[in-house]
Amino acid sequence: INSVFDEMTVLDNFGLALQAHQGHSFHFWSPVRNHRSLHQ
């Protein structure tokens, strides 16, 4: 059964997963597009 954040964009889903894995200290709900390396 799929377990994705339906109300978030594909980009933000990937960004959130990367953020969680990398243990970033910036704000949890800060858009991934605001963080260049994470965005790329």
Full PDB file with SEQRES, HELIX, SHEET, SSBOND, CRYST1, ORIGX, SCALE, CONECT and MASTER records, all heavy atoms in Angstrom:
SEQRES   1 A   40  ILE ASN SER VAL PHE ASP GLU MET THR VAL LEU ASP ASN          
SEQRES   2 A   40  PHE GLY LEU ALA LEU GLN ALA HIS GLN GLY HIS SER PHE          
SEQRES   3 A   40  HIS PHE TRP SER PRO VAL ARG ASN HIS ARG SER LEU HIS          
SEQRES   4 A   40  GLN                                                          
HELIX    1 AA1 VAL A   10  GLN A   22  1                                  13    
HELIX    2 AA2 VAL A   32  ASN A   34  5                                   3    
HELIX    3 AA3 ARG A   36  HIS A   39  1                                   4    
CRYST1    1.000    1.000    1.000  90.00  90.00  90.00 P 1           1          
ORIGX1      1.000000  0.000000  0.000000        0.00000                         
ORIGX2      0.000000  1.000000  0.000000        0.00000                         
ORIGX3      0.000000  0.000000  1.000000        0.00000                         
SCALE1      1.000000  0.000000  0.000000        0.00000                         
SCALE2      0.000000  1.000000  0.000000        0.00000                         
SCALE3      0.000000  0.000000  1.000000        0.00000                         
ATOM      1  N   ILE A   1       0.862  -1.178   0.000  1.00  0.00           N  
ATOM      2  CA  ILE A   1       0.000   0.000   0.000  1.00  0.00           C  
ATOM      3  C   ILE A   1       0.898   1.227   0.000  1.00  0.00           C  
ATOM      4  O   ILE A   1       1.795   1.357   0.832  1.00  0.00           O  
ATOM      5  CB  ILE A   1      -0.926  -0.006   1.234  1.00  0.00           C  
ATOM      6  CG1 ILE A   1      -1.858  -1.212   1.172  1.00  0.00           C  
ATOM      7  CG2 ILE A   1      -1.708   1.292   1.321  1.00  0.00           C  
ATOM      8  CD1 ILE A   1      -2.677  -1.441   2.418  1.00  0.00           C  
ATOM      9  N   ASN A   2       0.667   2.116  -0.957  1.00  0.00           N  
ATOM     10  CA  ASN A   2       1.503   3.307  -1.068  1.00  0.00           C  
ATOM     11  C   ASN A   2       1.431   4.142   0.194  1.00  0.00           C  
ATOM     12  O   ASN A   2       0.384   4.296   0.804  1.00  0.00           O  
ATOM     13  CB  ASN A   2       1.055   4.163  -2.256  1.00  0.00           C  
ATOM     14  CG  ASN A   2       1.377   3.511  -3.579  1.00  0.00           C  
ATOM     15  OD1 ASN A   2       2.372   2.834  -3.715  1.00  0.00           O  
ATOM     16  ND2 ASN A   2       0.527   3.733  -4.562  1.00  0.00           N  
ATOM     17  N   SER A   3       2.576   4.690   0.560  1.00  0.00           N  
ATOM     18  CA  SER A   3       2.667   5.536   1.737  1.00  0.00           C  
ATOM     19  C   SER A   3       3.482   6.774   1.378  1.00  0.00           C  
ATOM     20  O   SER A   3       4.669   6.846   1.656  1.00  0.00           O  
ATOM     21  CB  SER A   3       3.328   4.760   2.879  1.00  0.00           C  
ATOM     22  OG  SER A   3       3.411   5.561   4.021  1.00  0.00           O  
ATOM     23  N   VAL A   4       2.826   7.711   0.707  1.00  0.00           N  
ATOM     24  CA  VAL A   4       3.466   8.957   0.312  1.00  0.00           C  
ATOM     25  C   VAL A   4       2.638  10.106   0.876  1.00  0.00           C  
ATOM     26  O   VAL A   4       1.503   9.914   1.322  1.00  0.00           O  
ATOM     27  CB  VAL A   4       3.588   9.076  -1.230  1.00  0.00           C  
ATOM     28  CG1 VAL A   4       4.418   7.930  -1.795  1.00  0.00           C  
ATOM     29  CG2 VAL A   4       2.230   9.118  -1.907  1.00  0.00           C  
ATOM     30  N   PHE A   5       3.200  11.305   0.849  1.00  0.00           N  
ATOM     31  CA  PHE A   5       2.471  12.479   1.309  1.00  0.00           C  
ATOM     32  C   PHE A   5       1.679  13.023   0.125  1.00  0.00           C  
ATOM     33  O   PHE A   5       2.197  13.792  -0.689  1.00  0.00           O  
ATOM     34  CB  PHE A   5       3.429  13.528   1.869  1.00  0.00           C  
ATOM     35  CG  PHE A   5       4.105  13.093   3.141  1.00  0.00           C  
ATOM     36  CD1 PHE A   5       5.418  12.642   3.126  1.00  0.00           C  
ATOM     37  CD2 PHE A   5       3.412  13.133   4.345  1.00  0.00           C  
ATOM     38  CE1 PHE A   5       6.035  12.247   4.301  1.00  0.00           C  
ATOM     39  CE2 PHE A   5       4.023  12.730   5.522  1.00  0.00           C  
ATOM     40  CZ  PHE A   5       5.336  12.278   5.499  1.00  0.00           C  
ATOM     41  N   ASP A   6       0.409  12.621   0.020  1.00  0.00           N  
ATOM     42  CA  ASP A   6      -0.435  12.984  -1.117  1.00  0.00           C  
ATOM     43  C   ASP A   6      -0.596  14.484  -1.296  1.00  0.00           C  
ATOM     44  O   ASP A   6      -0.737  14.962  -2.418  1.00  0.00           O  
ATOM     45  CB  ASP A   6      -1.829  12.362  -0.970  1.00  0.00           C  
ATOM     46  CG  ASP A   6      -1.847  10.865  -1.262  1.00  0.00           C  
ATOM     47  OD1 ASP A   6      -0.936  10.382  -1.962  1.00  0.00           O  
ATOM     48  OD2 ASP A   6      -2.796  10.191  -0.811  1.00  0.00           O  
ATOM     49  N   GLU A   7      -0.589  15.242  -0.225  1.00  0.00           N  
ATOM     50  CA  GLU A   7      -0.830  16.688  -0.286  1.00  0.00           C  
ATOM     51  C   GLU A   7       0.450  17.489  -0.495  1.00  0.00           C  
ATOM     52  O   GLU A   7       0.442  18.715  -0.392  1.00  0.00           O  
ATOM     53  CB  GLU A   7      -1.544  17.156   0.988  1.00  0.00           C  
ATOM     54  CG  GLU A   7      -2.880  16.467   1.228  1.00  0.00           C  
ATOM     55  CD  GLU A   7      -3.876  16.693   0.096  1.00  0.00           C  
ATOM     56  OE1 GLU A   7      -3.965  17.826  -0.418  1.00  0.00           O  
ATOM     57  OE2 GLU A   7      -4.557  15.728  -0.292  1.00  0.00           O  
ATOM     58  N   MET A   8       1.544  16.792  -0.775  1.00  0.00           N  
ATOM     59  CA  MET A   8       2.817  17.459  -1.063  1.00  0.00           C  
ATOM     60  C   MET A   8       3.228  17.133  -2.488  1.00  0.00           C  
ATOM     61  O   MET A   8       2.825  16.108  -3.044  1.00  0.00           O  
ATOM     62  CB  MET A   8       3.901  16.985  -0.087  1.00  0.00           C  
ATOM     63  CG  MET A   8       3.656  17.415   1.350  1.00  0.00           C  
ATOM     64  SD  MET A   8       4.851  16.708   2.504  1.00  0.00           S  
ATOM     65  CE  MET A   8       6.344  17.523   1.995  1.00  0.00           C  
ATOM     66  N   THR A   9       4.075  17.974  -3.077  1.00  0.00           N  
ATOM     67  CA  THR A   9       4.561  17.698  -4.427  1.00  0.00           C  
ATOM     68  C   THR A   9       5.536  16.532  -4.405  1.00  0.00           C  
ATOM     69  O   THR A   9       6.065  16.159  -3.349  1.00  0.00           O  
ATOM     70  CB  THR A   9       5.282  18.928  -5.022  1.00  0.00           C  
ATOM     71  OG1 THR A   9       6.470  19.169  -4.262  1.00  0.00           O  
ATOM     72  CG2 THR A   9       4.378  20.150  -5.070  1.00  0.00           C  
ATOM     73  N   VAL A  10       5.785  15.994  -5.579  1.00  0.00           N  
ATOM     74  CA  VAL A  10       6.783  14.928  -5.721  1.00  0.00           C  
ATOM     75  C   VAL A  10       8.139  15.442  -5.231  1.00  0.00           C  
ATOM     76  O   VAL A  10       8.839  14.765  -4.471  1.00  0.00           O  
ATOM     77  CB  VAL A  10       6.863  14.454  -7.193  1.00  0.00           C  
ATOM     78  CG1 VAL A  10       8.069  13.569  -7.428  1.00  0.00           C  
ATOM     79  CG2 VAL A  10       5.566  13.728  -7.574  1.00  0.00           C  
ATOM     80  N   LEU A  11       8.490  16.660  -5.628  1.00  0.00           N  
ATOM     81  CA  LEU A  11       9.755  17.261  -5.207  1.00  0.00           C  
ATOM     82  C   LEU A  11       9.845  17.347  -3.683  1.00  0.00           C  
ATOM     83  O   LEU A  11      10.863  16.981  -3.089  1.00  0.00           O  
ATOM     84  CB  LEU A  11       9.899  18.660  -5.817  1.00  0.00           C  
ATOM     85  CG  LEU A  11      11.153  19.428  -5.433  1.00  0.00           C  
ATOM     86  CD1 LEU A  11      12.400  18.732  -5.976  1.00  0.00           C  
ATOM     87  CD2 LEU A  11      11.075  20.855  -5.936  1.00  0.00           C  
ATOM     88  N   ASP A  12       8.776  17.804  -3.046  1.00  0.00           N  
ATOM     89  CA  ASP A  12       8.789  17.938  -1.589  1.00  0.00           C  
ATOM     90  C   ASP A  12       8.795  16.578  -0.890  1.00  0.00           C  
ATOM     91  O   ASP A  12       9.397  16.436   0.171  1.00  0.00           O  
ATOM     92  CB  ASP A  12       7.629  18.799  -1.117  1.00  0.00           C  
ATOM     93  CG  ASP A  12       7.826  20.273  -1.440  1.00  0.00           C  
ATOM     94  OD1 ASP A  12       8.988  20.692  -1.617  1.00  0.00           O  
ATOM     95  OD2 ASP A  12       6.828  21.005  -1.526  1.00  0.00           O  
ATOM     96  N   ASN A  13       8.161  15.564  -1.468  1.00  0.00           N  
ATOM     97  CA  ASN A  13       8.236  14.211  -0.917  1.00  0.00           C  
ATOM     98  C   ASN A  13       9.684  13.732  -0.899  1.00  0.00           C  
ATOM     99  O   ASN A  13      10.182  13.259   0.113  1.00  0.00           O  
ATOM    100  CB  ASN A  13       7.380  13.247  -1.734  1.00  0.00           C  
ATOM    101  CG  ASN A  13       5.988  13.064  -1.202  1.00  0.00           C  
ATOM    102  OD1 ASN A  13       5.732  12.193  -0.382  1.00  0.00           O  
ATOM    103  ND2 ASN A  13       5.064  13.899  -1.678  1.00  0.00           N  
ATOM    104  N   PHE A  14      10.365  13.872  -2.039  1.00  0.00           N  
ATOM    105  CA  PHE A  14      11.769  13.458  -2.107  1.00  0.00           C  
ATOM    106  C   PHE A  14      12.630  14.296  -1.162  1.00  0.00           C  
ATOM    107  O   PHE A  14      13.490  13.762  -0.460  1.00  0.00           O  
ATOM    108  CB  PHE A  14      12.310  13.569  -3.535  1.00  0.00           C  
ATOM    109  CG  PHE A  14      11.953  12.404  -4.415  1.00  0.00           C  
ATOM    110  CD1 PHE A  14      11.322  12.614  -5.631  1.00  0.00           C  
ATOM    111  CD2 PHE A  14      12.262  11.105  -4.050  1.00  0.00           C  
ATOM    112  CE1 PHE A  14      10.992  11.546  -6.456  1.00  0.00           C  
ATOM    113  CE2 PHE A  14      11.945  10.031  -4.864  1.00  0.00           C  
ATOM    114  CZ  PHE A  14      11.313  10.241  -6.074  1.00  0.00           C  
ATOM    115  N   GLY A  15      12.379  15.598  -1.130  1.00  0.00           N  
ATOM    116  CA  GLY A  15      13.154  16.469  -0.257  1.00  0.00           C  
ATOM    117  C   GLY A  15      13.002  16.121   1.207  1.00  0.00           C  
ATOM    118  O   GLY A  15      13.977  16.104   1.967  1.00  0.00           O  
ATOM    119  N   LEU A  16      11.791  15.799   1.616  1.00  0.00           N  
ATOM    120  CA  LEU A  16      11.539  15.433   3.003  1.00  0.00           C  
ATOM    121  C   LEU A  16      12.250  14.133   3.369  1.00  0.00           C  
ATOM    122  O   LEU A  16      12.847  14.019   4.444  1.00  0.00           O  
ATOM    123  CB  LEU A  16      10.031  15.308   3.247  1.00  0.00           C  
ATOM    124  CG  LEU A  16       9.582  15.131   4.685  1.00  0.00           C  
ATOM    125  CD1 LEU A  16      10.039  16.309   5.549  1.00  0.00           C  
ATOM    126  CD2 LEU A  16       8.079  14.992   4.744  1.00  0.00           C  
ATOM    127  N   ALA A  17      12.225  13.165   2.453  1.00  0.00           N  
ATOM    128  CA  ALA A  17      12.922  11.892   2.701  1.00  0.00           C  
ATOM    129  C   ALA A  17      14.428  12.115   2.818  1.00  0.00           C  
ATOM    130  O   ALA A  17      15.083  11.566   3.707  1.00  0.00           O  
ATOM    131  CB  ALA A  17      12.616  10.898   1.587  1.00  0.00           C  
ATOM    132  N   LEU A  18      14.972  12.930   1.938  1.00  0.00           N  
ATOM    133  CA  LEU A  18      16.407  13.235   1.993  1.00  0.00           C  
ATOM    134  C   LEU A  18      16.756  13.987   3.262  1.00  0.00           C  
ATOM    135  O   LEU A  18      17.762  13.698   3.920  1.00  0.00           O  
ATOM    136  CB  LEU A  18      16.817  14.046   0.758  1.00  0.00           C  
ATOM    137  CG  LEU A  18      16.815  13.287  -0.561  1.00  0.00           C  
ATOM    138  CD1 LEU A  18      16.849  14.252  -1.737  1.00  0.00           C  
ATOM    139  CD2 LEU A  18      17.982  12.309  -0.617  1.00  0.00           C  
ATOM    140  N   GLN A  19      15.912  14.938   3.618  1.00  0.00           N  
ATOM    141  CA  GLN A  19      16.133  15.723   4.832  1.00  0.00           C  
ATOM    142  C   GLN A  19      16.139  14.819   6.060  1.00  0.00           C  
ATOM    143  O   GLN A  19      17.000  14.937   6.922  1.00  0.00           O  
ATOM    144  CB  GLN A  19      15.042  16.776   4.955  1.00  0.00           C  
ATOM    145  CG  GLN A  19      15.129  17.632   6.196  1.00  0.00           C  
ATOM    146  CD  GLN A  19      13.972  18.614   6.285  1.00  0.00           C  
ATOM    147  OE1 GLN A  19      13.283  18.864   5.314  1.00  0.00           O  
ATOM    148  NE2 GLN A  19      13.751  19.153   7.464  1.00  0.00           N  
ATOM    149  N   ALA A  20      15.197  13.910   6.131  1.00  0.00           N  
ATOM    150  CA  ALA A  20      15.109  12.998   7.276  1.00  0.00           C  
ATOM    151  C   ALA A  20      16.347  12.113   7.356  1.00  0.00           C  
ATOM    152  O   ALA A  20      16.898  11.898   8.440  1.00  0.00           O  
ATOM    153  CB  ALA A  20      13.856  12.141   7.165  1.00  0.00           C  
ATOM    154  N   HIS A  21      16.789  11.612   6.216  1.00  0.00           N  
ATOM    155  CA  HIS A  21      17.956  10.719   6.208  1.00  0.00           C  
ATOM    156  C   HIS A  21      19.234  11.463   6.575  1.00  0.00           C  
ATOM    157  O   HIS A  21      20.073  10.944   7.299  1.00  0.00           O  
ATOM    158  CB  HIS A  21      18.121  10.062   4.839  1.00  0.00           C  
ATOM    159  CG  HIS A  21      19.353   9.214   4.752  1.00  0.00           C  
ATOM    160  ND1 HIS A  21      19.484   8.033   5.451  1.00  0.00           N  
ATOM    161  CD2 HIS A  21      20.506   9.383   4.088  1.00  0.00           C  
ATOM    162  CE1 HIS A  21      20.666   7.514   5.204  1.00  0.00           C  
ATOM    163  NE2 HIS A  21      21.315   8.320   4.381  1.00  0.00           N  
ATOM    164  N   GLN A  22      19.363  12.686   6.099  1.00  0.00           N  
ATOM    165  CA  GLN A  22      20.585  13.445   6.327  1.00  0.00           C  
ATOM    166  C   GLN A  22      20.606  14.153   7.672  1.00  0.00           C  
ATOM    167  O   GLN A  22      21.624  14.690   8.081  1.00  0.00           O  
ATOM    168  CB  GLN A  22      20.794  14.450   5.192  1.00  0.00           C  
ATOM    169  CG  GLN A  22      21.031  13.769   3.861  1.00  0.00           C  
ATOM    170  CD  GLN A  22      21.072  14.748   2.701  1.00  0.00           C  
ATOM    171  OE1 GLN A  22      21.072  15.963   2.894  1.00  0.00           O  
ATOM    172  NE2 GLN A  22      21.101  14.226   1.497  1.00  0.00           N  
ATOM    173  N   GLY A  23      19.458  14.161   8.356  1.00  0.00           N  
ATOM    174  CA  GLY A  23      19.395  14.766   9.687  1.00  0.00           C  
ATOM    175  C   GLY A  23      19.589  16.270   9.691  1.00  0.00           C  
ATOM    176  O   GLY A  23      20.201  16.818  10.585  1.00  0.00           O  
ATOM    177  N   HIS A  24      19.050  16.949   8.677  1.00  0.00           N  
ATOM    178  CA  HIS A  24      19.173  18.403   8.629  1.00  0.00           C  
ATOM    179  C   HIS A  24      18.551  19.035   9.867  1.00  0.00           C  
ATOM    180  O   HIS A  24      17.551  18.559  10.385  1.00  0.00           O  
ATOM    181  CB  HIS A  24      18.463  18.965   7.385  1.00  0.00           C  
ATOM    182  CG  HIS A  24      19.274  18.835   6.147  1.00  0.00           C  
ATOM    183  ND1 HIS A  24      20.302  19.676   5.847  1.00  0.00           N  
ATOM    184  CD2 HIS A  24      19.212  17.926   5.139  1.00  0.00           C  
ATOM    185  CE1 HIS A  24      20.841  19.314   4.696  1.00  0.00           C  
ATOM    186  NE2 HIS A  24      20.196  18.259   4.247  1.00  0.00           N  
ATOM    187  N   SER A  25      19.130  20.136  10.291  1.00  0.00           N  
ATOM    188  CA  SER A  25      18.624  20.827  11.467  1.00  0.00           C  
ATOM    189  C   SER A  25      17.660  21.949  11.106  1.00  0.00           C  
ATOM    190  O   SER A  25      17.071  22.556  11.979  1.00  0.00           O  
ATOM    191  CB  SER A  25      19.787  21.398  12.281  1.00  0.00           C  
ATOM    192  OG  SER A  25      20.513  22.316  11.481  1.00  0.00           O  
ATOM    193  N   PHE A  26      17.495  22.258   9.793  1.00  0.00           N  
ATOM    194  CA  PHE A  26      16.575  23.343   9.452  1.00  0.00           C  
ATOM    195  C   PHE A  26      15.130  22.908   9.649  1.00  0.00           C  
ATOM    196  O   PHE A  26      14.827  21.739   9.787  1.00  0.00           O  
ATOM    197  CB  PHE A  26      16.824  23.895   8.050  1.00  0.00           C  
ATOM    198  CG  PHE A  26      16.913  22.867   6.954  1.00  0.00           C  
ATOM    199  CD1 PHE A  26      15.789  22.316   6.381  1.00  0.00           C  
ATOM    200  CD2 PHE A  26      18.157  22.474   6.487  1.00  0.00           C  
ATOM    201  CE1 PHE A  26      15.875  21.390   5.370  1.00  0.00           C  
ATOM    202  CE2 PHE A  26      18.255  21.537   5.473  1.00  0.00           C  
ATOM    203  CZ  PHE A  26      17.111  20.997   4.913  1.00  0.00           C  
ATOM    204  N   HIS A  27      14.254  23.875   9.655  1.00  0.00           N  
ATOM    205  CA  HIS A  27      12.852  23.654   9.986  1.00  0.00           C  
ATOM    206  C   HIS A  27      12.225  22.560   9.130  1.00  0.00           C  
ATOM    207  O   HIS A  27      12.348  22.561   7.913  1.00  0.00           O  
ATOM    208  CB  HIS A  27      12.075  24.975   9.819  1.00  0.00           C  
ATOM    209  CG  HIS A  27      10.703  24.917  10.383  1.00  0.00           C  
ATOM    210  ND1 HIS A  27       9.621  24.546   9.637  1.00  0.00           N  
ATOM    211  CD2 HIS A  27      10.254  25.155  11.626  1.00  0.00           C  
ATOM    212  CE1 HIS A  27       8.537  24.571  10.390  1.00  0.00           C  
ATOM    213  NE2 HIS A  27       8.897  24.945  11.602  1.00  0.00           N  
ATOM    214  N   PHE A  28      11.530  21.628   9.759  1.00  0.00           N  
ATOM    215  CA  PHE A  28      10.911  20.462   9.121  1.00  0.00           C  
ATOM    216  C   PHE A  28      10.042  20.835   7.930  1.00  0.00           C  
ATOM    217  O   PHE A  28      10.067  20.186   6.901  1.00  0.00           O  
ATOM    218  CB  PHE A  28      10.098  19.711  10.179  1.00  0.00           C  
ATOM    219  CG  PHE A  28       9.385  18.494   9.669  1.00  0.00           C  
ATOM    220  CD1 PHE A  28      10.082  17.319   9.445  1.00  0.00           C  
ATOM    221  CD2 PHE A  28       8.028  18.510   9.419  1.00  0.00           C  
ATOM    222  CE1 PHE A  28       9.440  16.181   8.989  1.00  0.00           C  
ATOM    223  CE2 PHE A  28       7.373  17.382   8.958  1.00  0.00           C  
ATOM    224  CZ  PHE A  28       8.090  16.216   8.749  1.00  0.00           C  
ATOM    225  N   TRP A  29       9.247  21.896   8.052  1.00  0.00           N  
ATOM    226  CA  TRP A  29       8.295  22.241   6.987  1.00  0.00           C  
ATOM    227  C   TRP A  29       8.846  23.289   6.023  1.00  0.00           C  
ATOM    228  O   TRP A  29       8.131  23.793   5.184  1.00  0.00           O  
ATOM    229  CB  TRP A  29       6.972  22.711   7.581  1.00  0.00           C  
ATOM    230  CG  TRP A  29       6.254  21.581   8.235  1.00  0.00           C  
ATOM    231  CD1 TRP A  29       6.020  21.431   9.567  1.00  0.00           C  
ATOM    232  CD2 TRP A  29       5.706  20.419   7.602  1.00  0.00           C  
ATOM    233  NE1 TRP A  29       5.366  20.255   9.806  1.00  0.00           N  
ATOM    234  CE2 TRP A  29       5.157  19.613   8.610  1.00  0.00           C  
ATOM    235  CE3 TRP A  29       5.636  19.972   6.290  1.00  0.00           C  
ATOM    236  CZ2 TRP A  29       4.544  18.396   8.359  1.00  0.00           C  
ATOM    237  CZ3 TRP A  29       5.019  18.763   6.035  1.00  0.00           C  
ATOM    238  CH2 TRP A  29       4.485  17.994   7.053  1.00  0.00           C  
ATOM    239  N   SER A  30      10.104  23.595   6.137  1.00  0.00           N  
ATOM    240  CA  SER A  30      10.715  24.541   5.203  1.00  0.00           C  
ATOM    241  C   SER A  30      10.772  23.901   3.821  1.00  0.00           C  
ATOM    242  O   SER A  30      11.268  22.782   3.677  1.00  0.00           O  
ATOM    243  CB  SER A  30      12.125  24.871   5.689  1.00  0.00           C  
ATOM    244  OG  SER A  30      12.759  25.760   4.814  1.00  0.00           O  
ATOM    245  N   PRO A  31      10.255  24.572   2.790  1.00  0.00           N  
ATOM    246  CA  PRO A  31      10.213  23.964   1.452  1.00  0.00           C  
ATOM    247  C   PRO A  31      11.592  23.564   0.947  1.00  0.00           C  
ATOM    248  O   PRO A  31      12.556  24.308   1.103  1.00  0.00           O  
ATOM    249  CB  PRO A  31       9.614  25.069   0.576  1.00  0.00           C  
ATOM    250  CG  PRO A  31       8.909  25.978   1.514  1.00  0.00           C  
ATOM    251  CD  PRO A  31       9.682  25.908   2.810  1.00  0.00           C  
ATOM    252  N   VAL A  32      11.668  22.416   0.330  1.00  0.00           N  
ATOM    253  CA  VAL A  32      12.928  21.896  -0.182  1.00  0.00           C  
ATOM    254  C   VAL A  32      13.532  22.835  -1.215  1.00  0.00           C  
ATOM    255  O   VAL A  32      14.744  22.951  -1.328  1.00  0.00           O  
ATOM    256  CB  VAL A  32      12.743  20.469  -0.746  1.00  0.00           C  
ATOM    257  CG1 VAL A  32      11.871  20.479  -1.982  1.00  0.00           C  
ATOM    258  CG2 VAL A  32      14.088  19.833  -1.070  1.00  0.00           C  
ATOM    259  N   ARG A  33      12.694  23.538  -1.965  1.00  0.00           N  
ATOM    260  CA  ARG A  33      13.213  24.440  -3.010  1.00  0.00           C  
ATOM    261  C   ARG A  33      14.022  25.591  -2.419  1.00  0.00           C  
ATOM    262  O   ARG A  33      14.760  26.253  -3.125  1.00  0.00           O  
ATOM    263  CB  ARG A  33      12.079  24.934  -3.901  1.00  0.00           C  
ATOM    264  CG  ARG A  33      10.995  25.682  -3.199  1.00  0.00           C  
ATOM    265  CD  ARG A  33       9.782  25.904  -4.108  1.00  0.00           C  
ATOM    266  NE  ARG A  33       8.555  26.019  -3.351  1.00  0.00           N  
ATOM    267  CZ  ARG A  33       7.822  25.010  -2.915  1.00  0.00           C  
ATOM    268  NH1 ARG A  33       8.187  23.786  -3.172  1.00  0.00           N  
ATOM    269  NH2 ARG A  33       6.728  25.207  -2.228  1.00  0.00           N  
ATOM    270  N   ASN A  34      13.889  25.849  -1.094  1.00  0.00           N  
ATOM    271  CA  ASN A  34      14.653  26.912  -0.445  1.00  0.00           C  
ATOM    272  C   ASN A  34      16.071  26.482  -0.074  1.00  0.00           C  
ATOM    273  O   ASN A  34      16.842  27.290   0.420  1.00  0.00           O  
ATOM    274  CB  ASN A  34      13.933  27.391   0.827  1.00  0.00           C  
ATOM    275  CG  ASN A  34      12.624  28.092   0.507  1.00  0.00           C  
ATOM    276  OD1 ASN A  34      12.359  28.448  -0.640  1.00  0.00           O  
ATOM    277  ND2 ASN A  34      11.799  28.270   1.522  1.00  0.00           N  
ATOM    278  N   HIS A  35      16.398  25.231  -0.277  1.00  0.00           N  
ATOM    279  CA  HIS A  35      17.709  24.697   0.105  1.00  0.00           C  
ATOM    280  C   HIS A  35      18.351  24.062  -1.132  1.00  0.00           C  
ATOM    281  O   HIS A  35      18.018  22.952  -1.513  1.00  0.00           O  
ATOM    282  CB  HIS A  35      17.562  23.678   1.232  1.00  0.00           C  
ATOM    283  CG  HIS A  35      16.813  24.245   2.399  1.00  0.00           C  
ATOM    284  ND1 HIS A  35      17.428  25.021   3.354  1.00  0.00           N  
ATOM    285  CD2 HIS A  35      15.499  24.198   2.735  1.00  0.00           C  
ATOM    286  CE1 HIS A  35      16.519  25.417   4.231  1.00  0.00           C  
ATOM    287  NE2 HIS A  35      15.346  24.925   3.888  1.00  0.00           N  
ATOM    288  N   ARG A  36      19.291  24.795  -1.741  1.00  0.00           N  
ATOM    289  CA  ARG A  36      19.851  24.402  -3.035  1.00  0.00           C  
ATOM    290  C   ARG A  36      20.363  22.972  -3.116  1.00  0.00           C  
ATOM    291  O   ARG A  36      20.025  22.243  -4.035  1.00  0.00           O  
ATOM    292  CB  ARG A  36      20.979  25.349  -3.427  1.00  0.00           C  
ATOM    293  CG  ARG A  36      20.512  26.555  -4.129  1.00  0.00           C  
ATOM    294  CD  ARG A  36      21.717  27.384  -4.531  1.00  0.00           C  
ATOM    295  NE  ARG A  36      21.347  28.771  -4.468  1.00  0.00           N  
ATOM    296  CZ  ARG A  36      21.018  29.478  -5.522  1.00  0.00           C  
ATOM    297  NH1 ARG A  36      21.064  28.950  -6.698  1.00  0.00           N  
ATOM    298  NH2 ARG A  36      20.657  30.728  -5.386  1.00  0.00           N  
ATOM    299  N   SER A  37      21.213  22.559  -2.190  1.00  0.00           N  
ATOM    300  CA  SER A  37      21.809  21.215  -2.299  1.00  0.00           C  
ATOM    301  C   SER A  37      20.737  20.141  -2.141  1.00  0.00           C  
ATOM    302  O   SER A  37      20.741  19.145  -2.865  1.00  0.00           O  
ATOM    303  CB  SER A  37      22.928  21.016  -1.282  1.00  0.00           C  
ATOM    304  OG  SER A  37      22.413  20.956   0.029  1.00  0.00           O  
ATOM    305  N   LEU A  38      19.828  20.348  -1.214  1.00  0.00           N  
ATOM    306  CA  LEU A  38      18.740  19.388  -1.010  1.00  0.00           C  
ATOM    307  C   LEU A  38      17.818  19.375  -2.225  1.00  0.00           C  
ATOM    308  O   LEU A  38      17.397  18.306  -2.678  1.00  0.00           O  
ATOM    309  CB  LEU A  38      17.962  19.756   0.255  1.00  0.00           C  
ATOM    310  CG  LEU A  38      17.013  18.710   0.805  1.00  0.00           C  
ATOM    311  CD1 LEU A  38      17.758  17.436   1.159  1.00  0.00           C  
ATOM    312  CD2 LEU A  38      16.300  19.252   2.030  1.00  0.00           C  
ATOM    313  N   HIS A  39      17.539  20.532  -2.776  1.00  0.00           N  
ATOM    314  CA  HIS A  39      16.696  20.641  -3.968  1.00  0.00           C  
ATOM    315  C   HIS A  39      17.312  19.847  -5.121  1.00  0.00           C  
ATOM    316  O   HIS A  39      16.623  19.067  -5.778  1.00  0.00           O  
ATOM    317  CB  HIS A  39      16.517  22.112  -4.354  1.00  0.00           C  
ATOM    318  CG  HIS A  39      15.704  22.302  -5.586  1.00  0.00           C  
ATOM    319  ND1 HIS A  39      16.261  22.343  -6.836  1.00  0.00           N  
ATOM    320  CD2 HIS A  39      14.360  22.447  -5.760  1.00  0.00           C  
ATOM    321  CE1 HIS A  39      15.306  22.514  -7.738  1.00  0.00           C  
ATOM    322  NE2 HIS A  39      14.144  22.577  -7.108  1.00  0.00           N  
ATOM    323  N   GLN A  40      18.606  20.024  -5.356  1.00  0.00           N  
ATOM    324  CA  GLN A  40      19.251  19.328  -6.470  1.00  0.00           C  
ATOM    325  C   GLN A  40      19.258  17.821  -6.251  1.00  0.00           C  
ATOM    326  O   GLN A  40      19.033  17.047  -7.175  1.00  0.00           O  
ATOM    327  CB  GLN A  40      20.681  19.845  -6.689  1.00  0.00           C  
ATOM    328  CG  GLN A  40      21.313  19.302  -7.955  1.00  0.00           C  
ATOM    329  CD  GLN A  40      20.475  19.598  -9.203  1.00  0.00           C  
ATOM    330  OE1 GLN A  40      20.106  20.744  -9.459  1.00  0.00           O  
ATOM    331  NE2 GLN A  40      20.140  18.558  -9.962  1.00  0.00           N  
TER     332      GLN A  40                                                      
MASTER        0    0    0    3    0    0    0    6  331    1    0    4          
END                                                                             
